[in-house]
Protein backbone atom coordinates (compact mmCIF):
# COMPACT_ATOMS: atom_id res chain seq x y z
CA MET A 1 0.32 -0.26 0.03
CA THR A 2 1.84 3.12 -0.71
CA THR A 3 1.45 6.57 1.27
CA SER A 4 -0.27 9.20 -0.46
CA VAL A 5 0.23 11.47 3.18
CA SER A 6 2.05 10.98 6.00
CA ILE A 7 1.78 12.55 9.24
CA LYS A 8 4.37 12.29 11.83
CA ASP A 9 3.90 13.39 15.43
CA LEU A 10 2.04 16.70 14.32
CA SER A 11 1.58 19.37 17.00
CA LEU A 12 0.49 23.01 16.53
CA ASN A 13 0.18 25.95 18.93
CA PHE A 14 -1.21 29.10 19.37
CA GLY A 15 0.75 30.85 22.08
CA ASN A 16 -0.13 28.61 25.56
CA VAL A 17 -3.08 26.52 23.60
CA LYS A 18 -2.21 23.58 22.59
CA VAL A 19 -4.41 23.35 19.25
CA LEU A 20 -2.98 19.73 17.70
CA GLU A 21 -0.91 17.11 20.17
CA SER A 22 1.58 14.75 18.62
CA LEU A 23 -0.71 13.45 15.79
CA ASP A 24 0.01 11.03 14.09
CA LEU A 25 -2.30 9.76 10.60
CA GLU A 26 -1.04 7.95 6.84
CA VAL A 27 -2.96 7.99 4.26
CA ALA A 28 -3.22 5.67 1.39
CA GLN A 29 -2.59 6.63 -2.14
CA GLY A 30 -6.70 6.76 -3.41
CA GLU A 31 -7.76 6.90 -0.01
CA PHE A 32 -11.02 9.36 1.29
CA ILE A 33 -10.46 10.08 4.94
CA VAL A 34 -12.57 12.02 6.30
CA LEU A 35 -11.88 14.12 9.49
CA LEU A 36 -14.41 14.95 11.64
CA GLY A 37 -15.31 16.22 15.04
CA PRO A 38 -17.24 19.04 16.22
CA SER A 39 -16.52 22.96 16.30
CA GLY A 40 -12.80 23.26 17.88
CA CYS A 41 -12.09 20.09 17.58
CA GLY A 42 -8.65 20.96 15.12
CA LYS A 43 -9.93 19.54 12.09
CA SER A 44 -9.71 22.14 9.67
CA THR A 45 -6.17 23.63 11.65
CA LEU A 46 -4.66 19.84 11.32
CA LEU A 47 -6.22 20.23 6.96
CA ASN A 48 -4.47 23.67 6.52
CA CYS A 49 -1.24 22.54 8.43
CA ILE A 50 -1.82 19.59 4.93
CA ALA A 51 -2.12 22.48 2.86
CA GLY A 52 0.68 24.97 4.43
CA LEU A 53 -1.97 28.00 5.28
CA LEU A 54 -0.47 27.20 9.08
CA ASP A 55 3.10 26.76 10.04
CA VAL A 56 3.08 23.47 13.11
CA SER A 57 5.47 23.81 15.79
CA ASP A 58 6.40 20.21 15.74
CA GLY A 59 6.36 16.91 13.68
CA GLN A 60 6.65 16.13 9.95
CA ILE A 61 4.19 16.48 6.92
CA PHE A 62 4.85 14.54 4.03
CA ILE A 63 2.67 14.17 0.51
CA SER A 64 4.17 11.62 -2.34
CA GLY A 65 6.56 10.80 -0.43
CA LYS A 66 8.47 14.39 -0.21
CA ASN A 67 8.57 16.84 2.62
CA VAL A 68 7.05 18.95 2.96
CA THR A 69 6.81 20.13 6.51
CA TRP A 70 8.08 24.34 5.36
CA ASP A 71 6.75 23.91 1.63
CA GLU A 72 4.64 26.70 0.67
CA PRO A 73 1.18 25.05 -0.63
CA LYS A 74 1.56 26.16 -4.49
CA ASP A 75 4.78 23.46 -4.21
CA ARG A 76 2.49 21.00 -1.99
CA GLY A 77 0.93 19.15 -5.10
CA ILE A 78 -2.46 19.88 -3.74
CA GLY A 79 -5.96 21.18 -4.34
CA MET A 80 -7.63 22.84 -1.85
CA VAL A 81 -11.57 23.25 -1.99
CA PHE A 82 -12.92 26.13 1.19
CA GLN A 83 -16.51 26.74 2.79
CA SER A 84 -16.53 29.88 0.71
CA TYR A 85 -16.30 29.80 -3.11
CA ALA A 86 -13.70 32.65 -3.15
CA LEU A 87 -14.89 33.34 -6.15
CA TYR A 88 -14.06 36.58 -8.59
CA PRO A 89 -16.93 37.78 -9.25
CA GLN A 90 -15.67 40.32 -12.10
CA MET A 91 -15.14 36.53 -14.18
CA THR A 92 -16.72 34.24 -16.19
CA VAL A 93 -16.85 30.47 -14.71
CA GLU A 94 -14.04 29.75 -17.35
CA LYS A 95 -11.79 32.60 -16.34
CA ASN A 96 -11.98 31.13 -12.44
CA LEU A 97 -11.09 28.05 -13.29
CA SER A 98 -8.04 29.23 -16.01
CA PHE A 99 -6.34 32.17 -13.74
CA GLY A 100 -4.62 30.15 -11.60
CA LEU A 101 -3.15 27.54 -14.99
CA ARG A 102 -3.19 30.85 -16.20
CA VAL A 103 -0.56 33.29 -13.65
CA ALA A 104 1.52 29.95 -13.79
CA ARG A 105 2.67 30.61 -17.19
CA MET A 106 0.60 27.42 -18.46
CA PRO A 107 0.78 26.97 -22.05
CA LYS A 108 -2.79 27.96 -23.62
CA GLU A 109 -3.76 24.60 -25.04
CA GLU A 110 -2.96 22.60 -22.70
CA VAL A 111 -5.43 25.37 -20.44
CA GLU A 112 -8.50 24.72 -22.08
CA ALA A 113 -7.88 21.11 -22.18
CA ARG A 114 -7.48 21.23 -18.35
CA VAL A 115 -10.87 23.36 -18.17
CA LYS A 116 -12.58 21.23 -20.51
CA ARG A 117 -11.56 18.01 -18.88
CA ALA A 118 -12.92 19.62 -15.19
CA ALA A 119 -16.12 21.11 -16.82
CA GLU A 120 -17.05 17.72 -18.38
CA ILE A 121 -16.35 15.92 -14.98
CA LEU A 122 -18.16 18.29 -13.07
CA GLN A 123 -20.86 18.76 -15.52
CA ILE A 124 -20.86 22.67 -15.62
CA GLU A 125 -20.14 23.28 -19.49
CA PRO A 126 -23.00 25.15 -19.79
CA LEU A 127 -21.75 27.58 -17.40
CA LEU A 128 -18.56 28.38 -18.60
CA GLN A 129 -19.76 31.58 -19.81
CA ARG A 130 -21.51 33.14 -16.49
CA LYS A 131 -20.49 34.83 -13.61
CA PRO A 132 -20.68 33.60 -9.83
CA VAL A 133 -24.00 35.88 -9.51
CA GLU A 134 -25.45 34.42 -12.02
CA LEU A 135 -25.10 30.85 -10.41
CA SER A 136 -26.43 29.11 -7.58
CA GLY A 137 -24.85 27.45 -4.01
CA GLY A 138 -24.40 24.18 -5.47
CA GLN A 139 -23.43 25.52 -9.37
CA ARG A 140 -20.41 27.77 -7.58
CA GLN A 141 -19.50 25.01 -5.68
CA ARG A 142 -18.88 22.74 -8.43
CA VAL A 143 -16.92 25.64 -10.48
CA ALA A 144 -15.06 25.84 -6.90
CA ILE A 145 -13.98 22.41 -6.89
CA GLY A 146 -13.33 22.50 -10.67
CA ARG A 147 -10.69 25.11 -10.10
CA ALA A 148 -8.86 22.52 -7.24
CA LEU A 149 -9.68 20.00 -10.23
CA VAL A 150 -7.91 21.56 -13.11
CA ARG A 151 -4.42 21.31 -10.57
CA ASP A 152 -4.32 18.18 -11.71
CA VAL A 153 -2.39 17.50 -8.58
CA ASP A 154 -2.63 13.76 -6.79
CA VAL A 155 -4.02 15.23 -3.06
CA PHE A 156 -7.30 16.61 -2.98
CA LEU A 157 -8.17 18.89 0.07
CA PHE A 158 -12.18 19.95 1.23
CA ASP A 159 -12.74 21.93 3.93
CA GLU A 160 -16.39 21.45 4.99
CA PRO A 161 -17.14 22.74 1.26
CA LEU A 162 -20.85 21.55 1.63
CA SER A 163 -21.66 23.59 4.56
CA ASN A 164 -23.23 26.55 2.73
CA LEU A 165 -25.83 24.50 0.53
CA ASP A 166 -29.44 23.73 1.98
CA ALA A 167 -29.99 20.07 2.38
CA LYS A 168 -31.39 19.13 -0.83
CA LEU A 169 -27.90 20.59 -2.34
CA ARG A 170 -25.47 19.39 0.39
CA ASN A 171 -27.84 15.63 -0.39
CA ASP A 172 -27.23 15.87 -4.21
CA LEU A 173 -23.07 16.95 -3.96
CA ARG A 174 -22.50 14.19 -2.05
CA ILE A 175 -23.10 12.00 -4.23
CA GLU A 176 -21.37 13.92 -7.01
CA ILE A 177 -18.36 14.05 -4.65
CA LYS A 178 -18.37 10.68 -3.71
CA ARG A 179 -18.55 9.75 -8.02
CA LEU A 180 -16.07 12.14 -8.34
CA HIS A 181 -13.54 9.90 -5.89
CA GLN A 182 -14.35 6.51 -7.40
CA ARG A 183 -13.71 8.32 -11.17
CA LEU A 184 -10.31 9.83 -10.56
CA LYS A 185 -9.18 7.62 -7.85
CA ASN A 186 -7.19 11.08 -6.13
CA THR A 187 -5.87 11.07 -2.56
CA MET A 188 -9.25 13.20 -1.19
CA ILE A 189 -8.82 14.06 2.86
CA TYR A 190 -11.97 15.55 3.78
CA VAL A 191 -13.03 18.01 6.60
CA THR A 192 -16.52 18.11 8.22
CA HIS A 193 -18.87 18.05 11.31
CA ASP A 194 -21.80 16.31 9.68
CA GLN A 195 -21.77 12.42 10.57
CA ILE A 196 -23.65 11.62 7.44
CA GLU A 197 -21.35 12.91 4.97
CA ALA A 198 -18.38 11.24 7.25
CA MET A 199 -20.45 7.60 6.55
CA THR A 200 -21.87 8.36 3.21
CA LEU A 201 -18.20 9.38 1.45
CA ALA A 202 -15.02 7.96 3.78
CA ASP A 203 -13.31 4.85 3.43
CA ARG A 204 -11.68 5.71 7.10
CA ILE A 205 -12.78 8.36 9.15
CA ALA A 206 -10.49 9.90 11.76
CA ILE A 207 -13.03 11.16 14.58
CA MET A 208 -11.02 14.37 16.34
CA LYS A 209 -11.71 15.53 20.13
CA ASN A 210 -9.31 18.41 21.27
CA GLY A 211 -6.51 17.97 18.82
CA VAL A 212 -6.42 14.35 18.98
CA ILE A 213 -7.82 11.66 16.71
CA GLN A 214 -9.90 9.24 19.56
CA GLN A 215 -10.53 6.72 16.42
CA LEU A 216 -9.68 6.41 13.40
CA ALA A 217 -11.53 2.83 11.03
CA ASP A 218 -14.04 2.12 8.07
CA PRO A 219 -17.52 3.53 8.64
CA HIS A 220 -18.48 -0.22 9.71
CA THR A 221 -16.17 0.46 13.14
CA ILE A 222 -16.44 3.46 14.17
CA TYR A 223 -20.29 2.63 13.66
CA ASN A 224 -20.18 -1.02 15.95
CA LYS A 225 -17.30 -0.55 17.48
CA PRO A 226 -16.43 2.95 18.95
CA THR A 227 -13.53 3.31 20.87
CA ASN A 228 -14.61 5.41 23.67
CA LEU A 229 -17.86 7.12 25.05
CA PHE A 230 -17.52 10.37 23.16
CA VAL A 231 -16.85 8.44 19.60
CA ALA A 232 -20.03 6.11 20.39
CA GLY A 233 -22.18 9.58 21.03
CA PHE A 234 -21.44 11.94 18.14
CA ILE A 235 -21.89 8.88 15.56
CA GLY A 236 -25.51 8.20 15.49
CA SER A 237 -28.50 9.41 14.82
CA PRO A 238 -30.74 9.44 17.05
CA SER A 239 -27.56 9.19 19.29
CA MET A 240 -26.96 5.94 21.32
CA ASN A 241 -28.25 5.02 24.27
CA PHE A 242 -25.98 4.87 27.62
CA LEU A 243 -27.13 2.59 30.50
CA LYS A 244 -25.11 3.22 33.39
CA GLY A 245 -24.96 0.37 35.26
CA ASP A 246 -22.11 -2.15 37.42
CA LEU A 247 -20.69 -4.40 35.93
CA ASN A 248 -20.91 -8.13 37.45
CA GLY A 249 -18.94 -11.26 35.20
CA GLY A 250 -20.99 -11.17 32.57
CA THR A 251 -24.13 -8.82 34.01
CA ILE A 252 -24.54 -5.48 34.12
CA ASN A 253 -27.25 -4.24 36.69
CA VAL A 254 -28.65 -1.15 35.05
CA SER A 255 -30.63 0.30 38.46
CA GLY A 256 -32.13 -2.99 39.41
CA THR A 257 -32.23 -4.71 35.94
CA PRO A 258 -29.85 -6.79 34.98
CA ILE A 259 -28.94 -7.31 31.60
CA PRO A 260 -27.30 -10.50 30.74
CA LEU A 261 -23.77 -9.74 28.35
CA THR A 262 -23.80 -13.31 27.01
CA ASN A 263 -21.88 -12.99 23.68
CA TYR A 264 -20.16 -9.96 24.33
CA ALA A 265 -17.06 -9.76 22.90
CA PHE A 266 -15.19 -8.76 25.56
CA GLU A 267 -11.77 -6.59 24.69
CA GLN A 268 -10.70 -6.93 28.49
CA GLN A 269 -12.48 -8.07 32.19
CA LEU A 270 -13.70 -5.09 34.59
CA ASN A 271 -15.79 -5.23 37.35
CA GLY A 272 -17.35 -1.96 38.92
CA ALA A 273 -19.54 0.94 37.18
CA ALA A 274 -20.22 0.44 33.67
CA VAL A 275 -21.97 1.77 30.18
CA LEU A 276 -23.91 -0.37 28.51
CA GLY A 277 -24.59 1.76 24.36
CA VAL A 278 -27.78 0.38 22.53
CA ARG A 279 -27.97 1.91 19.40
CA PRO A 280 -31.70 3.25 19.30
CA GLU A 281 -32.37 0.58 15.72
CA HIS A 282 -31.23 -2.12 17.83
CA VAL A 283 -34.29 -1.98 19.81
CA ALA A 284 -37.03 -4.28 18.90
CA ILE A 285 -40.19 -3.77 20.52
CA GLY A 286 -43.58 -6.32 20.74
CA ASP A 287 -43.14 -9.60 18.57
CA GLU A 288 -39.69 -8.80 17.33
CA ALA A 289 -38.45 -8.36 20.88
CA ARG A 290 -39.72 -11.55 22.14
CA LYS A 291 -36.86 -12.94 19.53
CA MET A 292 -34.15 -10.46 21.53
CA PRO A 293 -32.23 -12.55 24.58
CA PHE A 294 -33.35 -9.55 26.45
CA GLN A 295 -36.84 -7.84 27.24
CA VAL A 296 -38.55 -5.93 29.33
CA GLU A 297 -42.11 -4.09 29.46
CA SER A 298 -41.83 -0.31 28.73
CA GLU A 299 -44.10 3.01 28.61
CA ILE A 300 -44.01 5.00 25.92
CA GLU A 301 -42.94 8.63 26.83
CA ILE A 302 -42.48 10.69 23.67
CA VAL A 303 -43.30 10.04 20.58
CA GLU A 304 -41.92 11.54 17.20
CA PRO A 305 -42.86 10.86 13.99
CA MET A 306 -40.17 11.00 11.92
CA GLY A 307 -41.89 9.95 8.07
CA ALA A 308 -39.83 7.34 7.15
CA ASP A 309 -39.69 5.75 11.03
CA THR A 310 -41.05 7.09 14.30
CA VAL A 311 -38.49 7.25 16.82
CA ALA A 312 -40.63 6.64 20.96
CA TRP A 313 -38.32 7.54 24.03
CA THR A 314 -39.67 5.16 27.34
CA LYS A 315 -37.28 4.28 30.56
CA LEU A 316 -35.18 1.50 31.09
CA GLY A 317 -34.55 0.86 35.14
CA GLY A 318 -35.15 4.42 35.14
CA GLN A 319 -33.14 5.88 32.76
CA GLN A 320 -33.79 7.43 29.17
CA LEU A 321 -34.14 5.11 26.07
CA THR A 322 -34.61 5.74 22.70
CA PHE A 323 -35.70 3.36 19.71
CA ARG A 324 -36.66 3.09 16.44
CA ALA A 325 -40.28 1.60 15.20
CA ALA A 326 -41.41 1.36 11.41
CA ALA A 327 -43.70 4.52 10.60
CA GLU A 328 -46.55 2.23 10.38
CA VAL A 329 -46.29 1.43 13.75
CA HIS A 330 -49.44 2.91 15.96
CA LEU A 331 -47.04 4.50 18.90
CA GLU A 332 -48.89 6.68 21.61
CA PRO A 333 -47.41 8.20 24.55
CA GLY A 334 -48.49 6.19 27.96
CA GLN A 335 -49.18 2.63 26.03
CA LYS A 336 -47.16 -0.38 27.25
CA VAL A 337 -44.90 -2.12 24.90
CA LEU A 338 -42.11 -5.19 25.22
CA ILE A 339 -39.22 -3.56 24.05
CA GLY A 340 -36.06 -6.16 24.02
CA PHE A 341 -32.61 -5.51 21.92
CA ASP A 342 -29.44 -8.26 21.75
CA PRO A 343 -27.06 -6.83 24.95
CA ALA A 344 -23.46 -8.70 22.34
CA ARG A 345 -24.36 -6.08 19.83
CA GLY A 346 -24.27 -2.97 21.78
CA SER A 347 -20.93 -1.52 23.07
CA VAL A 348 -19.74 -1.71 27.40
CA PHE A 349 -17.42 1.25 28.41
CA ASN A 350 -15.74 1.62 31.26
CA ALA A 351 -17.90 3.95 33.40
CA GLU A 352 -14.34 6.02 34.90
CA THR A 353 -12.36 6.21 31.85
CA GLY A 354 -14.82 5.99 29.10
CA ASN A 355 -12.95 3.30 27.04
CA ARG A 356 -15.04 0.19 25.12
CA ILE A 357 -14.08 -2.74 27.31
């Protein structure tokens, strides 16, 4: 496996504030990596370090095997797409796409060929003679992506490129970016705070908190085997249910309700305070609940119709529990239902450290 981007022991401080701390990341050639996390976690800062827009305090950055830690952005072989479209308002789309190439004194024929190729890939050929003011938000973002595309580089960096768009446009452009990656097979590093973008686009997701990567894994692993409570709570909508209890051998006691953890794959043995995480979509009701290893009767408190399905709020051992049900299932507050789940599909965490056990 050829490494495209390698970050070794990277740190960045703003005065006494540590923004990134001893961070390591290896990105394979052609891989789509998403940096995901809440505002202020350091994901855009890390991207800006890779791009050369910020000087690092310590550590090294390699792109295609070359140490670029102190190289200028233009010498790093990267194309960058920002959250703001950053288009020149007085120029046509065609001139926006070709501007950087013309400044670099690239031959006219090569400039025209690259602009034509980018316009075809992004399906913006009819827009080439328009100015940005005549374009929709989605079209402007396509042009911004095209401006990075014409550079014909190995690594593309995306800094929350869809966050200024409405929900439908976000979905449409997300599919276009995935199609773009499948067609070009370039390395792409993409920053977002949107977990749906991360789960649908990424080969691997790096979830960040306070300048540290909490977990780096494929979406399936991140979803099913979160490494700690932060990752478990950040991924999934509605959020994972967290049931606090006491772990003793193969059973966790949640406020007087014993839940057997038969077939759960423990990574380490622990007795004492623990948290059982169960995703709402893994909780069954009615006849399906009767097939589950753990079952209990509960009363529904709140019902939230979501269109495709329904989210209901109830309690287990006095602790809040949400579950998802098919839209056609009739649920109402005060209704008694049998709920059940397989604890082996859940996640058990050390209550003190927050780490998976």
